[in-house]
């Protein structure tokens, strides 16, 4: 059978009071595109989750369009970022993320799209690119400040 849809590649548990988690063996030549999800767990305070590809800490470019729900729309962006900084939600009641990653294993630019927020009243859409032509097999999921406890990271490959 020629399987279609998403295929679970990796599951990893988030530890206790950690600022980041390294997920190895996440990307390979089997899939071109991936979905990273985070569910369960909590954070010490309201903060964003970020994704860093492998050990790359430069050449991330992004834009983030967000609003204080029911109010003014704002923007943030950078051409000198160190990660995909607005990749998910983290607060005292949950950790949550749905992050699309395009071409992480291919030796070309890697793209990212995510819905993110910092508190119950702020939400937005993030899009970015890591411009190095690097093949990544791992990533770091981290929290902007403070710590996170519990929860599960799942990596799914989109069938080619």
N, C-alpha and C. Protein backbone atom coordinates (compact mmCIF):
# COMPACT_ATOMS: atom_id res chain seq x y z
N UNK A 1 0.83 -1.18 0.00
CA UNK A 1 0.00 0.00 0.00
C UNK A 1 0.88 1.24 0.00
N UNK A 2 0.52 2.22 -0.79
CA UNK A 2 1.22 3.49 -0.82
C UNK A 2 0.58 4.40 0.22
N UNK A 3 1.17 4.46 1.42
CA UNK A 3 0.59 5.23 2.52
C UNK A 3 0.57 6.72 2.18
N UNK A 4 -0.45 7.39 2.65
CA UNK A 4 -0.59 8.83 2.44
C UNK A 4 -0.76 9.52 3.78
N UNK A 5 -0.61 10.82 3.80
CA UNK A 5 -0.86 11.59 5.01
C UNK A 5 0.37 11.76 5.86
N UNK A 6 0.14 11.98 7.16
CA UNK A 6 1.23 12.20 8.11
C UNK A 6 1.69 10.87 8.71
N UNK A 7 2.99 10.77 8.93
CA UNK A 7 3.57 9.56 9.48
C UNK A 7 4.36 9.95 10.73
N UNK A 8 4.05 9.34 11.88
CA UNK A 8 4.76 9.66 13.12
C UNK A 8 6.22 9.21 13.02
N UNK A 9 7.13 10.15 13.15
CA UNK A 9 8.56 9.89 13.05
C UNK A 9 9.20 9.76 14.43
N UNK A 10 8.79 10.60 15.36
CA UNK A 10 9.48 10.67 16.65
C UNK A 10 8.54 11.23 17.71
N UNK A 11 8.64 10.69 18.92
CA UNK A 11 7.94 11.21 20.09
C UNK A 11 8.97 11.43 21.18
N UNK A 12 8.90 12.59 21.83
CA UNK A 12 9.85 12.87 22.91
C UNK A 12 9.13 13.61 24.04
N UNK A 13 9.41 13.19 25.26
CA UNK A 13 8.81 13.81 26.45
C UNK A 13 9.67 14.98 26.91
N UNK A 14 9.01 16.05 27.33
CA UNK A 14 9.70 17.22 27.88
C UNK A 14 9.93 16.95 29.37
N UNK A 15 11.11 17.25 29.85
CA UNK A 15 11.47 16.98 31.25
C UNK A 15 10.85 17.96 32.23
N UNK A 16 11.42 18.05 33.41
CA UNK A 16 10.94 18.91 34.49
C UNK A 16 11.81 20.15 34.61
N UNK A 17 11.17 21.33 34.57
CA UNK A 17 11.86 22.62 34.74
C UNK A 17 13.05 22.76 33.80
N UNK A 18 12.82 22.54 32.49
CA UNK A 18 13.88 22.67 31.49
C UNK A 18 13.61 23.90 30.62
N UNK A 19 14.67 24.49 30.10
CA UNK A 19 14.52 25.64 29.21
C UNK A 19 14.51 25.23 27.74
N UNK A 20 14.98 24.02 27.45
CA UNK A 20 14.97 23.53 26.07
C UNK A 20 15.08 22.01 26.04
N UNK A 21 14.71 21.45 24.90
CA UNK A 21 14.79 20.00 24.66
C UNK A 21 15.38 19.80 23.28
N UNK A 22 16.40 18.96 23.17
CA UNK A 22 16.97 18.62 21.87
C UNK A 22 16.30 17.35 21.36
N UNK A 23 15.78 17.42 20.14
CA UNK A 23 15.12 16.28 19.51
C UNK A 23 16.01 15.82 18.36
N UNK A 24 16.65 14.65 18.53
CA UNK A 24 17.56 14.12 17.52
C UNK A 24 16.81 13.13 16.63
N UNK A 25 17.37 12.86 15.46
CA UNK A 25 16.77 11.89 14.55
C UNK A 25 15.38 12.29 14.07
N UNK A 26 15.13 13.57 13.99
CA UNK A 26 13.80 14.06 13.62
C UNK A 26 13.59 14.16 12.12
N UNK A 27 14.63 14.54 11.38
CA UNK A 27 14.51 14.79 9.94
C UNK A 27 15.43 13.85 9.16
N UNK A 28 14.95 13.39 8.00
CA UNK A 28 15.75 12.51 7.15
C UNK A 28 15.31 12.69 5.70
N UNK A 29 15.93 11.92 4.82
CA UNK A 29 15.58 11.99 3.39
C UNK A 29 14.24 11.34 3.09
N UNK A 30 13.64 10.66 4.04
CA UNK A 30 12.36 9.99 3.82
C UNK A 30 11.24 10.97 3.52
N UNK A 31 11.28 12.15 4.15
CA UNK A 31 10.21 13.15 3.98
C UNK A 31 10.82 14.50 3.62
N UNK A 32 10.08 15.29 2.85
CA UNK A 32 10.52 16.64 2.52
C UNK A 32 10.04 17.65 3.56
N UNK A 33 8.84 17.43 4.10
CA UNK A 33 8.20 18.38 5.00
C UNK A 33 7.71 17.70 6.27
N UNK A 34 7.66 18.48 7.36
CA UNK A 34 7.35 17.92 8.68
C UNK A 34 6.37 18.80 9.44
N UNK A 35 5.68 18.16 10.38
CA UNK A 35 4.84 18.85 11.34
C UNK A 35 5.34 18.51 12.73
N UNK A 36 5.66 19.53 13.53
CA UNK A 36 6.06 19.34 14.91
C UNK A 36 4.89 19.79 15.77
N UNK A 37 4.44 18.93 16.69
CA UNK A 37 3.38 19.33 17.62
C UNK A 37 3.90 19.23 19.04
N UNK A 38 3.34 20.07 19.90
CA UNK A 38 3.63 20.04 21.33
C UNK A 38 2.29 20.09 22.05
N UNK A 39 2.09 19.19 23.00
CA UNK A 39 0.86 19.17 23.78
C UNK A 39 1.15 18.75 25.20
N UNK A 40 0.23 19.11 26.11
CA UNK A 40 0.44 18.81 27.52
C UNK A 40 1.48 19.73 28.11
N UNK A 41 1.78 19.55 29.37
CA UNK A 41 2.81 20.32 30.03
C UNK A 41 2.38 21.73 30.37
N UNK A 42 3.27 22.44 31.06
CA UNK A 42 3.04 23.81 31.49
C UNK A 42 4.35 24.58 31.47
N UNK A 43 4.25 25.91 31.55
CA UNK A 43 5.43 26.76 31.65
C UNK A 43 5.37 27.52 32.97
N UNK A 44 6.51 28.03 33.40
CA UNK A 44 6.56 28.79 34.64
C UNK A 44 5.85 30.13 34.50
N UNK A 45 5.80 30.67 33.26
CA UNK A 45 5.12 31.94 32.99
C UNK A 45 4.72 31.98 31.52
N UNK A 46 4.01 33.01 31.11
CA UNK A 46 3.60 33.15 29.71
C UNK A 46 4.80 33.54 28.86
N UNK A 47 5.06 32.75 27.83
CA UNK A 47 6.23 32.98 26.99
C UNK A 47 6.02 32.25 25.67
N UNK A 48 6.85 32.56 24.67
CA UNK A 48 6.80 31.88 23.39
C UNK A 48 7.69 30.65 23.40
N UNK A 49 7.31 29.66 22.60
CA UNK A 49 8.19 28.54 22.31
C UNK A 49 8.96 28.86 21.05
N UNK A 50 10.20 28.39 20.94
CA UNK A 50 10.99 28.60 19.73
C UNK A 50 11.51 27.26 19.22
N UNK A 51 11.88 27.23 17.94
CA UNK A 51 12.52 26.07 17.31
C UNK A 51 13.83 26.54 16.70
N UNK A 52 14.91 25.85 17.06
CA UNK A 52 16.23 26.09 16.47
C UNK A 52 16.62 24.84 15.72
N UNK A 53 17.03 24.96 14.49
CA UNK A 53 17.41 23.82 13.66
C UNK A 53 18.85 23.42 13.94
N UNK A 54 19.05 22.16 14.33
CA UNK A 54 20.40 21.66 14.60
C UNK A 54 21.15 22.60 15.52
N UNK A 55 22.38 22.96 15.13
CA UNK A 55 23.17 23.89 15.93
C UNK A 55 23.22 25.28 15.29
N UNK A 56 22.37 25.53 14.29
CA UNK A 56 22.37 26.82 13.59
C UNK A 56 21.76 27.91 14.47
N UNK A 57 22.56 28.92 14.79
CA UNK A 57 22.10 30.02 15.63
C UNK A 57 22.12 31.37 14.91
N UNK A 58 22.13 31.33 13.60
CA UNK A 58 22.10 32.58 12.83
C UNK A 58 21.38 32.34 11.50
N UNK A 59 21.14 33.43 10.79
CA UNK A 59 20.53 33.41 9.46
C UNK A 59 19.06 32.99 9.44
N UNK A 60 18.35 33.25 10.54
CA UNK A 60 16.90 33.06 10.57
C UNK A 60 16.25 34.40 10.22
N UNK A 61 15.34 34.37 9.27
CA UNK A 61 14.60 35.58 8.89
C UNK A 61 13.13 35.28 9.07
N UNK A 62 12.39 36.22 9.65
CA UNK A 62 10.99 35.92 9.95
C UNK A 62 10.13 37.17 10.05
N UNK A 63 8.83 36.93 9.99
CA UNK A 63 7.84 37.95 10.31
C UNK A 63 6.77 37.31 11.18
N UNK A 64 6.22 38.12 12.06
CA UNK A 64 5.19 37.66 12.99
C UNK A 64 4.13 38.76 13.03
N UNK A 65 2.92 38.41 12.63
CA UNK A 65 1.80 39.33 12.66
C UNK A 65 0.87 38.86 13.76
N UNK A 66 0.62 39.73 14.73
CA UNK A 66 -0.14 39.30 15.91
C UNK A 66 -1.01 40.43 16.42
N UNK A 67 -1.90 40.08 17.28
CA UNK A 67 -2.76 41.08 17.87
C UNK A 67 -3.15 40.72 19.29
N UNK A 68 -3.45 41.75 20.05
CA UNK A 68 -4.07 41.55 21.34
C UNK A 68 -5.53 41.29 21.00
N UNK A 69 -5.98 40.07 21.10
CA UNK A 69 -7.25 39.62 20.56
C UNK A 69 -8.35 40.66 20.75
N UNK A 70 -9.00 41.02 19.64
CA UNK A 70 -10.05 42.02 19.65
C UNK A 70 -9.51 43.44 19.63
N UNK A 71 -8.23 43.62 19.31
CA UNK A 71 -7.64 44.95 19.37
C UNK A 71 -6.68 45.17 18.20
N UNK A 72 -5.69 45.97 18.42
CA UNK A 72 -4.74 46.41 17.41
C UNK A 72 -3.88 45.26 16.88
N UNK A 73 -3.63 45.26 15.58
CA UNK A 73 -2.72 44.30 14.95
C UNK A 73 -1.32 44.89 14.99
N UNK A 74 -0.35 44.05 15.36
CA UNK A 74 1.04 44.46 15.47
C UNK A 74 1.90 43.53 14.62
N UNK A 75 3.14 43.92 14.42
CA UNK A 75 4.08 43.08 13.68
C UNK A 75 5.43 43.06 14.38
N UNK A 76 6.16 41.98 14.14
CA UNK A 76 7.54 41.86 14.59
C UNK A 76 8.27 41.10 13.49
N UNK A 77 9.56 41.31 13.38
CA UNK A 77 10.32 40.60 12.37
C UNK A 77 11.80 40.82 12.54
N UNK A 78 12.57 40.03 11.81
CA UNK A 78 14.02 40.14 11.89
C UNK A 78 14.67 39.51 10.66
N UNK A 79 15.81 40.03 10.28
CA UNK A 79 16.65 39.38 9.26
C UNK A 79 17.91 38.83 9.90
N UNK A 80 18.00 38.90 11.23
CA UNK A 80 19.19 38.44 11.94
C UNK A 80 18.82 37.57 13.14
N UNK A 81 17.77 36.77 13.03
CA UNK A 81 17.31 35.95 14.14
C UNK A 81 18.23 34.77 14.43
N UNK A 82 18.06 34.21 15.63
CA UNK A 82 18.85 33.05 16.05
C UNK A 82 18.02 31.78 16.13
N UNK A 83 16.71 31.87 15.82
CA UNK A 83 15.82 30.71 15.83
C UNK A 83 14.48 31.12 15.22
N UNK A 84 13.59 30.16 15.06
CA UNK A 84 12.20 30.46 14.72
C UNK A 84 11.52 30.78 16.05
N UNK A 85 11.54 32.05 16.43
CA UNK A 85 11.28 32.47 17.80
C UNK A 85 9.81 32.43 18.21
N UNK A 86 8.86 32.53 17.32
CA UNK A 86 7.44 32.52 17.68
C UNK A 86 6.80 31.24 17.15
N UNK A 87 7.17 30.11 17.71
CA UNK A 87 6.72 28.82 17.18
C UNK A 87 5.62 28.16 17.99
N UNK A 88 5.23 28.73 19.11
CA UNK A 88 4.18 28.11 19.89
C UNK A 88 3.84 28.88 21.15
N UNK A 89 2.87 28.35 21.89
CA UNK A 89 2.36 28.94 23.12
C UNK A 89 2.99 28.28 24.34
N UNK A 90 3.19 29.05 25.38
CA UNK A 90 3.62 28.50 26.66
C UNK A 90 3.07 29.40 27.75
N UNK A 91 2.32 28.82 28.68
CA UNK A 91 1.87 29.57 29.85
C UNK A 91 1.64 28.61 31.00
N UNK A 92 1.13 29.10 32.11
CA UNK A 92 1.02 28.29 33.32
C UNK A 92 -0.05 27.20 33.23
N UNK A 93 -0.83 27.19 32.15
CA UNK A 93 -1.83 26.13 32.01
C UNK A 93 -1.58 25.20 30.83
N UNK A 94 -0.60 25.53 29.93
CA UNK A 94 -0.38 24.67 28.78
C UNK A 94 0.90 25.00 28.01
N UNK A 95 1.33 24.01 27.24
CA UNK A 95 2.30 24.17 26.16
C UNK A 95 1.57 23.72 24.91
N UNK A 96 1.70 24.47 23.82
CA UNK A 96 0.99 24.09 22.60
C UNK A 96 1.73 24.62 21.38
N UNK A 97 1.88 23.75 20.38
CA UNK A 97 2.50 24.18 19.13
C UNK A 97 2.08 23.26 17.99
N UNK A 98 1.95 23.85 16.82
CA UNK A 98 1.79 23.15 15.54
C UNK A 98 2.68 23.88 14.56
N UNK A 99 3.84 23.31 14.28
CA UNK A 99 4.87 23.99 13.51
C UNK A 99 5.14 23.21 12.21
N UNK A 100 4.94 23.86 11.06
CA UNK A 100 5.28 23.27 9.77
C UNK A 100 6.74 23.61 9.48
N UNK A 101 7.53 22.60 9.11
CA UNK A 101 8.93 22.79 8.74
C UNK A 101 9.12 22.22 7.33
N UNK A 102 9.55 23.05 6.41
CA UNK A 102 9.74 22.64 5.02
C UNK A 102 11.20 22.48 4.65
N UNK A 103 11.57 21.34 4.09
CA UNK A 103 12.91 21.03 3.57
C UNK A 103 14.03 21.04 4.60
N UNK A 104 13.84 20.56 5.82
CA UNK A 104 14.93 20.64 6.79
C UNK A 104 16.12 19.74 6.47
N UNK A 105 15.87 18.60 5.83
CA UNK A 105 16.97 17.67 5.53
C UNK A 105 17.67 18.02 4.22
N UNK A 106 16.95 18.63 3.28
CA UNK A 106 17.53 19.00 1.98
C UNK A 106 18.58 20.09 2.18
N UNK A 107 19.56 20.12 1.32
CA UNK A 107 20.58 21.16 1.41
C UNK A 107 20.10 22.40 0.67
N UNK A 108 19.04 23.00 1.23
CA UNK A 108 18.49 24.25 0.74
C UNK A 108 17.86 24.99 1.91
N UNK A 109 17.35 26.18 1.66
CA UNK A 109 16.74 26.95 2.74
C UNK A 109 15.60 26.15 3.37
N UNK A 110 15.42 26.32 4.69
CA UNK A 110 14.36 25.64 5.44
C UNK A 110 13.31 26.66 5.85
N UNK A 111 12.04 26.34 5.60
CA UNK A 111 10.95 27.26 5.92
C UNK A 111 10.21 26.81 7.17
N UNK A 112 9.47 27.76 7.75
CA UNK A 112 8.70 27.49 8.97
C UNK A 112 7.43 28.33 8.97
N UNK A 113 6.32 27.71 9.40
CA UNK A 113 5.07 28.43 9.63
C UNK A 113 4.46 27.92 10.93
N UNK A 114 3.90 28.84 11.73
CA UNK A 114 3.32 28.43 13.00
C UNK A 114 2.30 29.46 13.48
N UNK A 115 1.38 29.00 14.30
CA UNK A 115 0.45 29.85 15.02
C UNK A 115 1.00 29.95 16.43
N UNK A 116 1.11 31.17 16.94
CA UNK A 116 1.74 31.33 18.26
C UNK A 116 1.04 32.40 19.08
N UNK A 117 1.35 32.42 20.35
CA UNK A 117 0.82 33.43 21.25
C UNK A 117 1.59 33.38 22.56
N UNK A 118 1.42 34.44 23.36
CA UNK A 118 2.16 34.53 24.60
C UNK A 118 1.26 34.44 25.82
N UNK A 119 0.05 34.84 25.69
CA UNK A 119 -0.88 34.78 26.80
C UNK A 119 -2.27 34.48 26.24
N UNK A 120 -3.27 34.49 27.10
CA UNK A 120 -4.62 34.21 26.64
C UNK A 120 -5.20 35.27 25.74
N UNK A 121 -4.55 36.43 25.66
CA UNK A 121 -5.09 37.53 24.86
C UNK A 121 -4.27 37.89 23.64
N UNK A 122 -3.18 37.18 23.36
CA UNK A 122 -2.33 37.52 22.22
C UNK A 122 -2.16 36.32 21.32
N UNK A 123 -2.36 36.52 20.03
CA UNK A 123 -2.20 35.42 19.08
C UNK A 123 -1.76 35.98 17.73
N UNK A 124 -1.06 35.14 16.95
CA UNK A 124 -0.62 35.58 15.64
C UNK A 124 -0.08 34.46 14.79
N UNK A 125 0.34 34.83 13.59
CA UNK A 125 0.91 33.89 12.62
C UNK A 125 2.38 34.23 12.39
N UNK A 126 3.20 33.20 12.45
CA UNK A 126 4.64 33.32 12.26
C UNK A 126 5.02 32.66 10.94
N UNK A 127 5.91 33.28 10.18
CA UNK A 127 6.50 32.62 9.02
C UNK A 127 7.97 33.03 8.96
N UNK A 128 8.80 32.06 8.57
CA UNK A 128 10.22 32.35 8.54
C UNK A 128 10.99 31.41 7.64
N UNK A 129 12.26 31.73 7.48
CA UNK A 129 13.17 30.91 6.67
C UNK A 129 14.55 30.94 7.32
N UNK A 130 15.22 29.80 7.31
CA UNK A 130 16.63 29.70 7.73
C UNK A 130 17.38 29.58 6.42
N UNK A 131 18.21 30.59 6.09
CA UNK A 131 18.70 30.73 4.72
C UNK A 131 19.94 29.90 4.39
N UNK A 132 20.54 29.21 5.36
CA UNK A 132 21.71 28.37 5.05
C UNK A 132 21.27 27.16 4.22
N UNK A 133 22.15 26.69 3.38
CA UNK A 133 21.89 25.45 2.63
C UNK A 133 22.48 24.29 3.42
N UNK A 134 21.84 24.01 4.55
CA UNK A 134 22.33 23.01 5.49
C UNK A 134 21.31 21.88 5.63
N UNK A 135 21.79 20.67 5.76
CA UNK A 135 20.92 19.52 6.02
C UNK A 135 20.81 19.33 7.52
N UNK A 136 19.59 19.44 8.06
CA UNK A 136 19.36 19.30 9.49
C UNK A 136 18.72 17.94 9.80
N UNK A 137 19.15 17.31 10.88
CA UNK A 137 18.53 16.07 11.33
C UNK A 137 17.87 16.23 12.70
N UNK A 138 18.17 17.34 13.39
CA UNK A 138 17.66 17.55 14.74
C UNK A 138 17.17 18.98 14.89
N UNK A 139 16.49 19.23 16.01
CA UNK A 139 16.09 20.59 16.36
C UNK A 139 16.02 20.72 17.88
N UNK A 140 16.01 21.96 18.32
CA UNK A 140 15.83 22.27 19.73
C UNK A 140 14.49 22.98 19.88
N UNK A 141 13.67 22.50 20.80
CA UNK A 141 12.45 23.21 21.18
C UNK A 141 12.75 23.88 22.51
N UNK A 142 12.58 25.19 22.56
CA UNK A 142 12.89 25.91 23.78
C UNK A 142 11.83 26.93 24.12
N UNK A 143 11.97 27.49 25.30
CA UNK A 143 11.07 28.53 25.77
C UNK A 143 11.86 29.83 25.87
N UNK A 144 11.25 30.95 25.47
CA UNK A 144 11.95 32.22 25.41
C UNK A 144 12.59 32.65 26.72
N UNK A 145 11.91 32.41 27.84
CA UNK A 145 12.44 32.73 29.17
C UNK A 145 11.79 31.79 30.17
N UNK A 146 12.49 31.49 31.24
CA UNK A 146 11.93 30.61 32.25
C UNK A 146 12.06 29.15 31.87
N UNK A 147 11.14 28.32 32.39
CA UNK A 147 11.22 26.88 32.16
C UNK A 147 9.87 26.30 31.79
N UNK A 148 9.91 25.07 31.31
CA UNK A 148 8.70 24.31 30.99
C UNK A 148 8.83 22.94 31.62
N UNK A 149 7.67 22.33 31.89
CA UNK A 149 7.65 21.02 32.54
C UNK A 149 6.59 20.15 31.90
N UNK A 150 6.98 18.94 31.54
CA UNK A 150 6.04 17.97 31.00
C UNK A 150 5.62 18.28 29.58
N UNK A 151 4.74 17.46 29.08
CA UNK A 151 4.29 17.60 27.70
C UNK A 151 5.03 16.67 26.77
N UNK A 152 4.51 16.59 25.56
CA UNK A 152 5.06 15.68 24.56
C UNK A 152 5.29 16.41 23.25
N UNK A 153 6.46 16.18 22.67
CA UNK A 153 6.80 16.67 21.34
C UNK A 153 6.61 15.51 20.37
N UNK A 154 5.88 15.74 19.31
CA UNK A 154 5.72 14.72 18.26
C UNK A 154 6.17 15.32 16.94
N UNK A 155 6.88 14.53 16.15
CA UNK A 155 7.34 14.94 14.83
C UNK A 155 6.69 14.00 13.82
N UNK A 156 5.99 14.58 12.85
CA UNK A 156 5.34 13.83 11.79
C UNK A 156 5.96 14.21 10.45
N UNK A 157 6.16 13.23 9.59
CA UNK A 157 6.61 13.49 8.23
C UNK A 157 5.41 13.48 7.30
N UNK A 158 5.37 14.42 6.36
CA UNK A 158 4.35 14.42 5.31
C UNK A 158 4.80 13.44 4.24
N UNK A 159 3.99 12.43 3.96
CA UNK A 159 4.36 11.44 2.95
C UNK A 159 4.57 12.12 1.60
N UNK A 160 5.65 11.74 0.92
CA UNK A 160 5.95 12.28 -0.41
C UNK A 160 5.04 11.65 -1.45
